[in-house]
Amino acid sequence: MRIVSLLPSATEILFAVGAGNDVLGVTFECDFPEEARHRTVVSNTALPEGLTPSEIDAVVRARIAAGEDLYTLDEGALRTLDPDLVVTQDLCAVCAVDITEVDAALAHLGCRAEVLTLDPMTLDEVLASVEQVGRVTSHEAAAIRLTGELRKRLDAVRSAVAGRKRPRVAMLEWTDPPFGSGHWVPDMVTAAGGRSVLGDAGTRSKRTSWDDVAAAAADLIVVTPCGYRLDGAKGLAEQLVASGRLPKEIPVWAVDADAAFVRPGPRLVDGVETLAAIFHPDAVPLPGGLAIAI
């Protein structure tokens, strides 16, 4: 099977279930596993480099309002790869090429590739999407084994934090303007032994205000900016603390958002384990390289 992945999380899932050798095309963001970096890049960003979070927000809003794309699709690369399967999403226009653009490109090229659209909104749906990818790529047994292992790890976390006081947690997906995390992230907070106070599972991340952040009366704040690794998240969290917008007594953590929080794939379980260690440090060890206290 010749596969093109238009989503970093899909690329991760494909490799995790054993279909990595069939992946020929990826996006510019597909950086895990390392082998994915050596595939043909068929999708790139249309956003300028070096923008601040507020500038990114402004450009994204302006382009969406104008009906302009946030990503470019290399039709020449698609024609050359001639895929049998294209894996994409219809979840968020800011995350990947719009599904209508994919359909239009394939029709224009006369490509008869099957299009698999992944749209998980909860943690359970993310695990289900792993098994779905396994079925479509003839790696169902491996996918079921993988999700079984992931569920065992989740069960271990739930057992470790059972009966403990659940801290009120504000997960910030963006810092300027502030966005409360939705989708599967509130499920991750719950699984880790916390209570999400800025977002609800199964709903989209939503813009909020600093007054609302304060009113949420969080016991701690976790900065998990979409598109940022730990160093970048740490810098944004430090800027946020220095701005005085947060109550000084509230602990603030930064996490590697791209590695374990905003990409709906197997490593979300790493994120759950990380959150559990932040919330309940005497019960769960903190995994290395995914979080830092500010």
C-alpha atoms as a PDB file:
ATOM      1  CA  MET A   1       0.000   0.000   0.000  1.00  0.00           C
ATOM      2  CA  ARG A   2       1.253   3.484  -0.890  1.00  0.00           C
ATOM      3  CA  ILE A   3       0.273   5.903   1.875  1.00  0.00           C
ATOM      4  CA  VAL A   4       0.366   9.685   2.214  1.00  0.00           C
ATOM      5  CA  SER A   5      -0.212  11.170   5.667  1.00  0.00           C
ATOM      6  CA  LEU A   6      -1.383  14.754   5.920  1.00  0.00           C
ATOM      7  CA  LEU A   7      -1.344  14.877   9.713  1.00  0.00           C
ATOM      8  CA  PRO A   8       1.540  14.427  12.184  1.00  0.00           C
ATOM      9  CA  SER A   9      -0.582  12.303  14.516  1.00  0.00           C
ATOM     10  CA  ALA A  10      -1.624  10.066  11.633  1.00  0.00           C
ATOM     11  CA  THR A  11       2.017   9.592  10.676  1.00  0.00           C
ATOM     12  CA  GLU A  12       2.815   8.592  14.241  1.00  0.00           C
ATOM     13  CA  ILE A  13      -0.075   6.118  14.306  1.00  0.00           C
ATOM     14  CA  LEU A  14       0.895   4.590  10.959  1.00  0.00           C
ATOM     15  CA  PHE A  15       4.417   3.911  12.148  1.00  0.00           C
ATOM     16  CA  ALA A  16       3.222   2.682  15.534  1.00  0.00           C
ATOM     17  CA  VAL A  17       0.938   0.012  14.022  1.00  0.00           C
ATOM     18  CA  GLY A  18       3.618  -1.227  11.633  1.00  0.00           C
ATOM     19  CA  ALA A  19       2.647   0.579   8.428  1.00  0.00           C
ATOM     20  CA  GLY A  20       5.639   2.928   8.428  1.00  0.00           C
ATOM     21  CA  ASN A  21       7.329   1.276   5.437  1.00  0.00           C
ATOM     22  CA  ASP A  22       4.250   2.065   3.350  1.00  0.00           C
ATOM     23  CA  VAL A  23       4.268   5.779   4.228  1.00  0.00           C
ATOM     24  CA  LEU A  24       5.720   7.672   1.272  1.00  0.00           C
ATOM     25  CA  GLY A  25       4.492  11.227   1.854  1.00  0.00           C
ATOM     26  CA  VAL A  26       4.125  13.361   4.981  1.00  0.00           C
ATOM     27  CA  THR A  27       3.728  16.971   6.100  1.00  0.00           C
ATOM     28  CA  PHE A  28       6.478  19.408   7.064  1.00  0.00           C
ATOM     29  CA  GLU A  29       5.444  18.895  10.718  1.00  0.00           C
ATOM     30  CA  CYS A  30       5.812  15.103  10.734  1.00  0.00           C
ATOM     31  CA  ASP A  31       8.829  14.731  12.996  1.00  0.00           C
ATOM     32  CA  PHE A  32       8.024  11.534  14.920  1.00  0.00           C
ATOM     33  CA  PRO A  33       9.317   8.951  14.623  1.00  0.00           C
ATOM     34  CA  GLU A  34      12.652  10.184  13.267  1.00  0.00           C
ATOM     35  CA  GLU A  35      12.263   7.994  10.178  1.00  0.00           C
ATOM     36  CA  ALA A  36       9.259  10.084   9.106  1.00  0.00           C
ATOM     37  CA  ARG A  37      11.584  13.009   8.431  1.00  0.00           C
ATOM     38  CA  HIS A  38      13.007  11.099   5.471  1.00  0.00           C
ATOM     39  CA  ARG A  39       9.728  10.850   3.565  1.00  0.00           C
ATOM     40  CA  THR A  40       8.602  13.192   0.776  1.00  0.00           C
ATOM     41  CA  VAL A  41       6.990  16.364   2.130  1.00  0.00           C
ATOM     42  CA  VAL A  42       3.676  16.975   0.365  1.00  0.00           C
ATOM     43  CA  SER A  43       2.160  19.628   2.634  1.00  0.00           C
ATOM     44  CA  ASN A  44       3.663  22.841   3.977  1.00  0.00           C
ATOM     45  CA  THR A  45       2.503  25.883   5.901  1.00  0.00           C
ATOM     46  CA  ALA A  46       1.380  29.117   4.290  1.00  0.00           C
ATOM     47  CA  LEU A  47       2.151  31.122   7.444  1.00  0.00           C
ATOM     48  CA  PRO A  48       5.259  33.320   7.686  1.00  0.00           C
ATOM     49  CA  GLU A  49       7.992  32.248  10.094  1.00  0.00           C
ATOM     50  CA  GLY A  50       8.936  34.044  13.293  1.00  0.00           C
ATOM     51  CA  LEU A  51       5.488  35.249  14.341  1.00  0.00           C
ATOM     52  CA  THR A  52       4.485  35.742  17.971  1.00  0.00           C
ATOM     53  CA  PRO A  53       1.407  33.899  19.305  1.00  0.00           C
ATOM     54  CA  SER A  54      -0.736  37.032  18.930  1.00  0.00           C
ATOM     55  CA  GLU A  55       0.520  37.543  15.367  1.00  0.00           C
ATOM     56  CA  ILE A  56      -0.150  33.908  14.504  1.00  0.00           C
ATOM     57  CA  ASP A  57      -3.685  34.241  15.869  1.00  0.00           C
ATOM     58  CA  ALA A  58      -4.259  37.403  13.821  1.00  0.00           C
ATOM     59  CA  VAL A  59      -2.934  35.904  10.591  1.00  0.00           C
ATOM     60  CA  VAL A  60      -4.924  32.685  11.050  1.00  0.00           C
ATOM     61  CA  ARG A  61      -8.130  34.594  11.695  1.00  0.00           C
ATOM     62  CA  ALA A  62      -7.564  36.868   8.712  1.00  0.00           C
ATOM     63  CA  ARG A  63      -6.809  34.025   6.308  1.00  0.00           C
ATOM     64  CA  ILE A  64      -9.790  31.972   7.469  1.00  0.00           C
ATOM     65  CA  ALA A  65     -12.083  34.989   7.163  1.00  0.00           C
ATOM     66  CA  ALA A  66     -10.794  35.579   3.639  1.00  0.00           C
ATOM     67  CA  GLY A  67     -11.262  31.933   2.692  1.00  0.00           C
ATOM     68  CA  GLU A  68      -7.512  31.468   2.222  1.00  0.00           C
ATOM     69  CA  ASP A  69      -5.653  28.253   2.955  1.00  0.00           C
ATOM     70  CA  LEU A  70      -3.302  27.875   5.906  1.00  0.00           C
ATOM     71  CA  TYR A  71      -1.428  25.021   4.221  1.00  0.00           C
ATOM     72  CA  THR A  72      -0.181  24.314   0.712  1.00  0.00           C
ATOM     73  CA  LEU A  73      -0.500  20.918  -0.934  1.00  0.00           C
ATOM     74  CA  ASP A  74       2.185  19.842  -3.404  1.00  0.00           C
ATOM     75  CA  GLU A  75       0.133  18.333  -6.201  1.00  0.00           C
ATOM     76  CA  GLY A  76       3.248  17.411  -8.129  1.00  0.00           C
ATOM     77  CA  ALA A  77       4.499  15.304  -5.242  1.00  0.00           C
ATOM     78  CA  LEU A  78       1.081  13.702  -4.872  1.00  0.00           C
ATOM     79  CA  ARG A  79       1.048  12.802  -8.574  1.00  0.00           C
ATOM     80  CA  THR A  80       4.516  11.273  -8.335  1.00  0.00           C
ATOM     81  CA  LEU A  81       3.712   9.244  -5.212  1.00  0.00           C
ATOM     82  CA  ASP A  82       0.381   8.047  -6.656  1.00  0.00           C
ATOM     83  CA  PRO A  83      -0.991   6.969  -3.242  1.00  0.00           C
ATOM     84  CA  ASP A  84      -3.514   4.236  -2.569  1.00  0.00           C
ATOM     85  CA  LEU A  85      -4.438   5.803   0.775  1.00  0.00           C
ATOM     86  CA  VAL A  86      -4.420   9.405   2.008  1.00  0.00           C
ATOM     87  CA  VAL A  87      -4.906   9.931   5.743  1.00  0.00           C
ATOM     88  CA  THR A  88      -6.175  13.341   6.793  1.00  0.00           C
ATOM     89  CA  GLN A  89      -8.592  15.070   9.179  1.00  0.00           C
ATOM     90  CA  ASP A  90     -11.671  17.275   9.173  1.00  0.00           C
ATOM     91  CA  LEU A  91     -11.261  18.334  12.781  1.00  0.00           C
ATOM     92  CA  CYS A  92      -9.508  21.698  12.686  1.00  0.00           C
ATOM     93  CA  ALA A  93      -8.694  24.004   9.768  1.00  0.00           C
ATOM     94  CA  VAL A  94      -5.649  25.241  11.667  1.00  0.00           C
ATOM     95  CA  CYS A  95      -4.149  21.737  12.053  1.00  0.00           C
ATOM     96  CA  ALA A  96      -3.832  20.451   8.481  1.00  0.00           C
ATOM     97  CA  VAL A  97      -4.866  20.838   4.860  1.00  0.00           C
ATOM     98  CA  ASP A  98      -8.617  21.321   4.537  1.00  0.00           C
ATOM     99  CA  ILE A  99     -10.329  18.076   3.522  1.00  0.00           C
ATOM    100  CA  THR A 100     -12.036  19.811   0.597  1.00  0.00           C
ATOM    101  CA  GLU A 101      -8.623  20.820  -0.749  1.00  0.00           C
ATOM    102  CA  VAL A 102      -7.471  17.216  -0.521  1.00  0.00           C
ATOM    103  CA  ASP A 103     -10.534  15.925  -2.350  1.00  0.00           C
ATOM    104  CA  ALA A 104     -10.181  18.613  -5.029  1.00  0.00           C
ATOM    105  CA  ALA A 105      -6.489  17.845  -5.556  1.00  0.00           C
ATOM    106  CA  LEU A 106      -7.069  14.119  -5.882  1.00  0.00           C
ATOM    107  CA  ALA A 107      -9.911  14.705  -8.336  1.00  0.00           C
ATOM    108  CA  HIS A 108      -7.777  17.119 -10.354  1.00  0.00           C
ATOM    109  CA  LEU A 109      -4.955  14.577 -10.544  1.00  0.00           C
ATOM    110  CA  GLY A 110      -7.303  11.732 -11.360  1.00  0.00           C
ATOM    111  CA  CYS A 111      -6.039   9.889  -8.298  1.00  0.00           C
ATOM    112  CA  ARG A 112      -8.359   7.204  -6.959  1.00  0.00           C
ATOM    113  CA  ALA A 113      -6.758   6.982  -3.534  1.00  0.00           C
ATOM    114  CA  GLU A 114      -8.950   6.090  -0.592  1.00  0.00           C
ATOM    115  CA  VAL A 115      -9.214   9.001   1.842  1.00  0.00           C
ATOM    116  CA  LEU A 116      -9.297   8.108   5.534  1.00  0.00           C
ATOM    117  CA  THR A 117     -10.477  11.009   7.679  1.00  0.00           C
ATOM    118  CA  LEU A 118      -9.610  10.915  11.379  1.00  0.00           C
ATOM    119  CA  ASP A 119     -11.655  13.170  13.657  1.00  0.00           C
ATOM    120  CA  PRO A 120     -11.259  12.022  17.280  1.00  0.00           C
ATOM    121  CA  MET A 121     -12.669  14.399  19.882  1.00  0.00           C
ATOM    122  CA  THR A 122     -12.086  12.368  23.060  1.00  0.00           C
ATOM    123  CA  LEU A 123      -9.312  10.176  24.431  1.00  0.00           C
ATOM    124  CA  ASP A 124     -11.353   7.031  23.781  1.00  0.00           C
ATOM    125  CA  GLU A 125     -11.899   8.145  20.196  1.00  0.00           C
ATOM    126  CA  VAL A 126      -8.163   8.658  19.755  1.00  0.00           C
ATOM    127  CA  LEU A 127      -7.569   5.038  20.765  1.00  0.00           C
ATOM    128  CA  ALA A 128     -10.367   3.946  18.449  1.00  0.00           C
ATOM    129  CA  SER A 129      -8.723   5.851  15.591  1.00  0.00           C
ATOM    130  CA  VAL A 130      -5.514   3.874  16.146  1.00  0.00           C
ATOM    131  CA  GLU A 131      -7.458   0.652  15.642  1.00  0.00           C
ATOM    132  CA  GLN A 132      -9.218   2.166  12.611  1.00  0.00           C
ATOM    133  CA  VAL A 133      -5.860   2.918  10.977  1.00  0.00           C
ATOM    134  CA  GLY A 134      -4.788  -0.640  11.754  1.00  0.00           C
ATOM    135  CA  ARG A 135      -7.833  -2.085  10.012  1.00  0.00           C
ATOM    136  CA  VAL A 136      -7.489   0.060   6.904  1.00  0.00           C
ATOM    137  CA  THR A 137      -3.783  -0.716   6.514  1.00  0.00           C
ATOM    138  CA  SER A 138      -4.068  -4.451   7.273  1.00  0.00           C
ATOM    139  CA  HIS A 139      -2.278  -4.066  10.620  1.00  0.00           C
ATOM    140  CA  GLU A 140      -5.316  -4.604  12.823  1.00  0.00           C
ATOM    141  CA  ALA A 141      -3.710  -7.113  15.195  1.00  0.00           C
ATOM    142  CA  ALA A 142      -0.763  -4.803  15.891  1.00  0.00           C
ATOM    143  CA  ALA A 143      -3.110  -1.863  16.420  1.00  0.00           C
ATOM    144  CA  ILE A 144      -5.213  -3.812  18.914  1.00  0.00           C
ATOM    145  CA  ARG A 145      -2.083  -4.865  20.805  1.00  0.00           C
ATOM    146  CA  LEU A 146      -0.924  -1.246  20.899  1.00  0.00           C
ATOM    147  CA  THR A 147      -4.205   0.135  22.204  1.00  0.00           C
ATOM    148  CA  GLY A 148      -4.330  -2.676  24.767  1.00  0.00           C
ATOM    149  CA  GLU A 149      -0.921  -1.611  26.082  1.00  0.00           C
ATOM    150  CA  LEU A 150      -1.986   2.038  26.127  1.00  0.00           C
ATOM    151  CA  ARG A 151      -5.155   1.214  28.077  1.00  0.00           C
ATOM    152  CA  LYS A 152      -3.128  -0.762  30.618  1.00  0.00           C
ATOM    153  CA  ARG A 153      -0.910   2.280  31.178  1.00  0.00           C
ATOM    154  CA  LEU A 154      -3.977   4.472  31.624  1.00  0.00           C
ATOM    155  CA  ASP A 155      -5.420   2.004  34.107  1.00  0.00           C
ATOM    156  CA  ALA A 156      -2.140   2.069  36.046  1.00  0.00           C
ATOM    157  CA  VAL A 157      -2.303   5.858  36.303  1.00  0.00           C
ATOM    158  CA  ARG A 158      -5.928   5.793  37.424  1.00  0.00           C
ATOM    159  CA  SER A 159      -5.052   3.256  40.123  1.00  0.00           C
ATOM    160  CA  ALA A 160      -2.108   5.324  41.317  1.00  0.00           C
ATOM    161  CA  VAL A 161      -4.191   8.494  41.760  1.00  0.00           C
ATOM    162  CA  ALA A 162      -7.433   6.879  42.939  1.00  0.00           C
ATOM    163  CA  GLY A 163      -8.909   8.423  46.064  1.00  0.00           C
ATOM    164  CA  ARG A 164      -6.649  11.468  45.974  1.00  0.00           C
ATOM    165  CA  LYS A 165      -7.879  15.042  45.974  1.00  0.00           C
ATOM    166  CA  ARG A 166      -8.308  16.211  42.401  1.00  0.00           C
ATOM    167  CA  PRO A 167      -6.698  19.615  41.726  1.00  0.00           C
ATOM    168  CA  ARG A 168      -8.506  22.162  39.595  1.00  0.00           C
ATOM    169  CA  VAL A 169      -6.436  22.497  36.425  1.00  0.00           C
ATOM    170  CA  ALA A 170      -6.461  25.181  33.737  1.00  0.00           C
ATOM    171  CA  MET A 171      -4.970  23.833  30.510  1.00  0.00           C
ATOM    172  CA  LEU A 172      -3.993  26.690  28.183  1.00  0.00           C
ATOM    173  CA  GLU A 173      -3.691  25.687  24.536  1.00  0.00           C
ATOM    174  CA  TRP A 174      -2.722  29.226  23.553  1.00  0.00           C
ATOM    175  CA  THR A 175      -1.487  32.226  25.524  1.00  0.00           C
ATOM    176  CA  ASP A 176      -2.143  35.306  23.397  1.00  0.00           C
ATOM    177  CA  PRO A 177      -5.100  35.360  23.281  1.00  0.00           C
ATOM    178  CA  PRO A 178      -5.779  32.653  25.868  1.00  0.00           C
ATOM    179  CA  PHE A 179      -7.515  29.463  24.734  1.00  0.00           C
ATOM    180  CA  GLY A 180      -8.768  26.735  27.053  1.00  0.00           C
ATOM    181  CA  SER A 181      -7.957  23.224  25.816  1.00  0.00           C
ATOM    182  CA  GLY A 182     -10.822  21.065  24.582  1.00  0.00           C
ATOM    183  CA  HIS A 183     -11.047  17.868  22.521  1.00  0.00           C
ATOM    184  CA  TRP A 184      -9.260  14.994  24.322  1.00  0.00           C
ATOM    185  CA  VAL A 185      -7.192  17.149  26.721  1.00  0.00           C
ATOM    186  CA  PRO A 186      -9.861  17.383  29.484  1.00  0.00           C
ATOM    187  CA  ASP A 187     -10.075  13.567  29.342  1.00  0.00           C
ATOM    188  CA  MET A 188      -6.322  13.467  29.901  1.00  0.00           C
ATOM    189  CA  VAL A 189      -6.698  15.721  32.942  1.00  0.00           C
ATOM    190  CA  THR A 190      -9.416  13.462  34.357  1.00  0.00           C
ATOM    191  CA  ALA A 191      -7.397  10.294  33.723  1.00  0.00           C
ATOM    192  CA  ALA A 192      -4.429  11.917  35.501  1.00  0.00           C
ATOM    193  CA  GLY A 193      -6.450  12.665  38.622  1.00  0.00           C
ATOM    194  CA  GLY A 194      -7.365  16.291  38.022  1.00  0.00           C
ATOM    195  CA  ARG A 195     -10.385  18.434  37.119  1.00  0.00           C
ATOM    196  CA  SER A 196     -10.368  20.502  33.938  1.00  0.00           C
ATOM    197  CA  VAL A 197     -11.777  23.962  34.626  1.00  0.00           C
ATOM    198  CA  LEU A 198     -11.304  25.743  31.275  1.00  0.00           C
ATOM    199  CA  GLY A 199     -12.380  23.178  28.693  1.00  0.00           C
ATOM    200  CA  ASP A 200     -14.736  20.241  28.228  1.00  0.00           C
ATOM    201  CA  ALA A 201     -13.939  16.885  26.643  1.00  0.00           C
ATOM    202  CA  GLY A 202     -15.407  16.342  23.201  1.00  0.00           C
ATOM    203  CA  THR A 203     -15.753  20.065  22.483  1.00  0.00           C
ATOM    204  CA  ARG A 204     -13.466  22.382  20.569  1.00  0.00           C
ATOM    205  CA  SER A 205     -10.813  24.421  22.292  1.00  0.00           C
ATOM    206  CA  LYS A 206     -12.232  27.870  22.903  1.00  0.00           C
ATOM    207  CA  ARG A 207     -10.981  31.373  23.294  1.00  0.00           C
ATOM    208  CA  THR A 208     -11.333  32.759  26.797  1.00  0.00           C
ATOM    209  CA  SER A 209     -10.228  35.825  28.769  1.00  0.00           C
ATOM    210  CA  TRP A 210      -7.789  36.379  31.611  1.00  0.00           C
ATOM    211  CA  ASP A 211     -10.729  37.327  33.816  1.00  0.00           C
ATOM    212  CA  ASP A 212     -12.265  33.928  33.076  1.00  0.00           C
ATOM    213  CA  VAL A 213      -8.946  32.231  33.767  1.00  0.00           C
ATOM    214  CA  ALA A 214      -8.824  33.926  37.176  1.00  0.00           C
ATOM    215  CA  ALA A 215     -12.491  33.114  37.848  1.00  0.00           C
ATOM    216  CA  ALA A 216     -11.819  29.428  37.147  1.00  0.00           C
ATOM    217  CA  ALA A 217      -9.956  29.336  40.476  1.00  0.00           C
ATOM    218  CA  ALA A 218      -7.428  26.825  39.244  1.00  0.00           C
ATOM    219  CA  ASP A 219      -5.013  25.162  41.637  1.00  0.00           C
ATOM    220  CA  LEU A 220      -2.436  25.077  38.856  1.00  0.00           C
ATOM    221  CA  ILE A 221      -2.022  26.117  35.225  1.00  0.00           C
ATOM    222  CA  VAL A 222      -0.454  24.031  32.469  1.00  0.00           C
ATOM    223  CA  VAL A 223       0.712  25.848  29.334  1.00  0.00           C
ATOM    224  CA  THR A 224       0.395  23.516  26.352  1.00  0.00           C
ATOM    225  CA  PRO A 225       0.602  25.698  23.216  1.00  0.00           C
ATOM    226  CA  CYS A 226      -0.289  23.921  19.985  1.00  0.00           C
ATOM    227  CA  GLY A 227       2.706  23.728  17.674  1.00  0.00           C
ATOM    228  CA  TYR A 228       5.338  24.183  20.385  1.00  0.00           C
ATOM    229  CA  ARG A 229       7.870  21.836  21.932  1.00  0.00           C
ATOM    230  CA  LEU A 230       8.991  22.123  25.558  1.00  0.00           C
ATOM    231  CA  ASP A 231      11.497  24.959  25.063  1.00  0.00           C
ATOM    232  CA  GLY A 232       8.935  27.072  23.233  1.00  0.00           C
ATOM    233  CA  ALA A 233       6.205  26.340  25.759  1.00  0.00           C
ATOM    234  CA  LYS A 234       8.600  27.216  28.584  1.00  0.00           C
ATOM    235  CA  GLY A 235       9.353  30.577  26.971  1.00  0.00           C
ATOM    236  CA  LEU A 236       5.667  31.399  26.536  1.00  0.00           C
ATOM    237  CA  ALA A 237       4.881  30.323  30.086  1.00  0.00           C
ATOM    238  CA  GLU A 238       7.680  32.508  31.452  1.00  0.00           C
ATOM    239  CA  GLN A 239       6.376  35.472  29.464  1.00  0.00           C
ATOM    240  CA  LEU A 240       2.906  34.808  30.815  1.00  0.00           C
ATOM    241  CA  VAL A 241       4.109  34.685  34.416  1.00  0.00           C
ATOM    242  CA  ALA A 242       6.151  37.871  33.934  1.00  0.00           C
ATOM    243  CA  SER A 243       3.126  39.669  32.438  1.00  0.00           C
ATOM    244  CA  GLY A 244       1.293  39.611  35.780  1.00  0.00           C
ATOM    245  CA  ARG A 245      -1.876  38.266  34.164  1.00  0.00           C
ATOM    246  CA  LEU A 246      -1.963  35.266  36.476  1.00  0.00           C
ATOM    247  CA  PRO A 247      -2.441  35.152  40.242  1.00  0.00           C
ATOM    248  CA  LYS A 248       1.062  34.886  41.702  1.00  0.00           C
ATOM    249  CA  GLU A 249       0.184  32.028  44.031  1.00  0.00           C
ATOM    250  CA  ILE A 250      -0.857  29.610  41.255  1.00  0.00           C
ATOM    251  CA  PRO A 251       1.873  27.151  40.147  1.00  0.00           C
ATOM    252  CA  VAL A 252       2.526  27.189  36.388  1.00  0.00           C
ATOM    253  CA  TRP A 253       3.924  24.336  34.332  1.00  0.00           C
ATOM    254  CA  ALA A 254       4.984  24.170  30.688  1.00  0.00           C
ATOM    255  CA  VAL A 255       4.756  20.928  28.707  1.00  0.00           C
ATOM    256  CA  ASP A 256       5.888  19.598  25.346  1.00  0.00           C
ATOM    257  CA  ALA A 257       2.586  20.104  23.570  1.00  0.00           C
ATOM    258  CA  ASP A 258       3.494  18.552  20.221  1.00  0.00           C
ATOM    259  CA  ALA A 259       5.031  15.454  21.786  1.00  0.00           C
ATOM    260  CA  ALA A 260       2.263  14.418  24.139  1.00  0.00           C
ATOM    261  CA  PHE A 261      -0.793  16.683  24.226  1.00  0.00           C
ATOM    262  CA  VAL A 262      -2.111  18.241  21.011  1.00  0.00           C
ATOM    263  CA  ARG A 263      -1.455  15.475  18.495  1.00  0.00           C
ATOM    264  CA  PRO A 264      -4.089  12.731  18.871  1.00  0.00           C
ATOM    265  CA  GLY A 265      -1.901   9.659  18.806  1.00  0.00           C
ATOM    266  CA  PRO A 266      -0.341   7.037  21.094  1.00  0.00           C
ATOM    267  CA  ARG A 267       1.884   9.522  22.921  1.00  0.00           C
ATOM    268  CA  LEU A 268      -1.137  11.161  24.566  1.00  0.00           C
ATOM    269  CA  VAL A 269      -0.688   8.457  27.201  1.00  0.00           C
ATOM    270  CA  ASP A 270       2.774   9.917  27.883  1.00  0.00           C
ATOM    271  CA  GLY A 271       0.937  13.187  28.446  1.00  0.00           C
ATOM    272  CA  VAL A 272      -1.465  11.588  30.916  1.00  0.00           C
ATOM    273  CA  GLU A 273       1.443  10.131  32.866  1.00  0.00           C
ATOM    274  CA  THR A 274       3.124  13.538  32.858  1.00  0.00           C
ATOM    275  CA  LEU A 275       0.009  15.295  34.156  1.00  0.00           C
ATOM    276  CA  ALA A 276      -0.440  12.675  36.870  1.00  0.00           C
ATOM    277  CA  ALA A 277       3.115  13.323  38.034  1.00  0.00           C
ATOM    278  CA  ILE A 278       2.458  17.083  38.101  1.00  0.00           C
ATOM    279  CA  PHE A 279      -0.816  16.689  39.997  1.00  0.00           C
ATOM    280  CA  HIS A 280       0.326  13.897  42.340  1.00  0.00           C
ATOM    281  CA  PRO A 281       4.148  13.936  42.524  1.00  0.00           C
ATOM    282  CA  ASP A 282       4.238  11.528  45.471  1.00  0.00           C
ATOM    283  CA  ALA A 283       2.296   8.886  43.532  1.00  0.00           C
ATOM    284  CA  VAL A 284       3.591   9.042  39.955  1.00  0.00           C
ATOM    285  CA  PRO A 285       7.181   9.692  38.755  1.00  0.00           C
ATOM    286  CA  LEU A 286       7.651  12.559  36.302  1.00  0.00           C
ATOM    287  CA  PRO A 287       8.693  11.364  32.823  1.00  0.00           C
ATOM    288  CA  GLY A 288      11.786  13.117  31.557  1.00  0.00           C
ATOM    289  CA  GLY A 289      11.760  15.855  28.933  1.00  0.00           C
ATOM    290  CA  LEU A 290       8.036  16.545  28.750  1.00  0.00           C
ATOM    291  CA  ALA A 291       7.339  19.117  31.480  1.00  0.00           C
ATOM    292  CA  ILE A 292       8.999  21.818  33.544  1.00  0.00           C
ATOM    293  CA  ALA A 293       7.824  23.961  36.445  1.00  0.00           C
ATOM    294  CA  ILE A 294       8.028  27.714  35.868  1.00  0.00           C
END
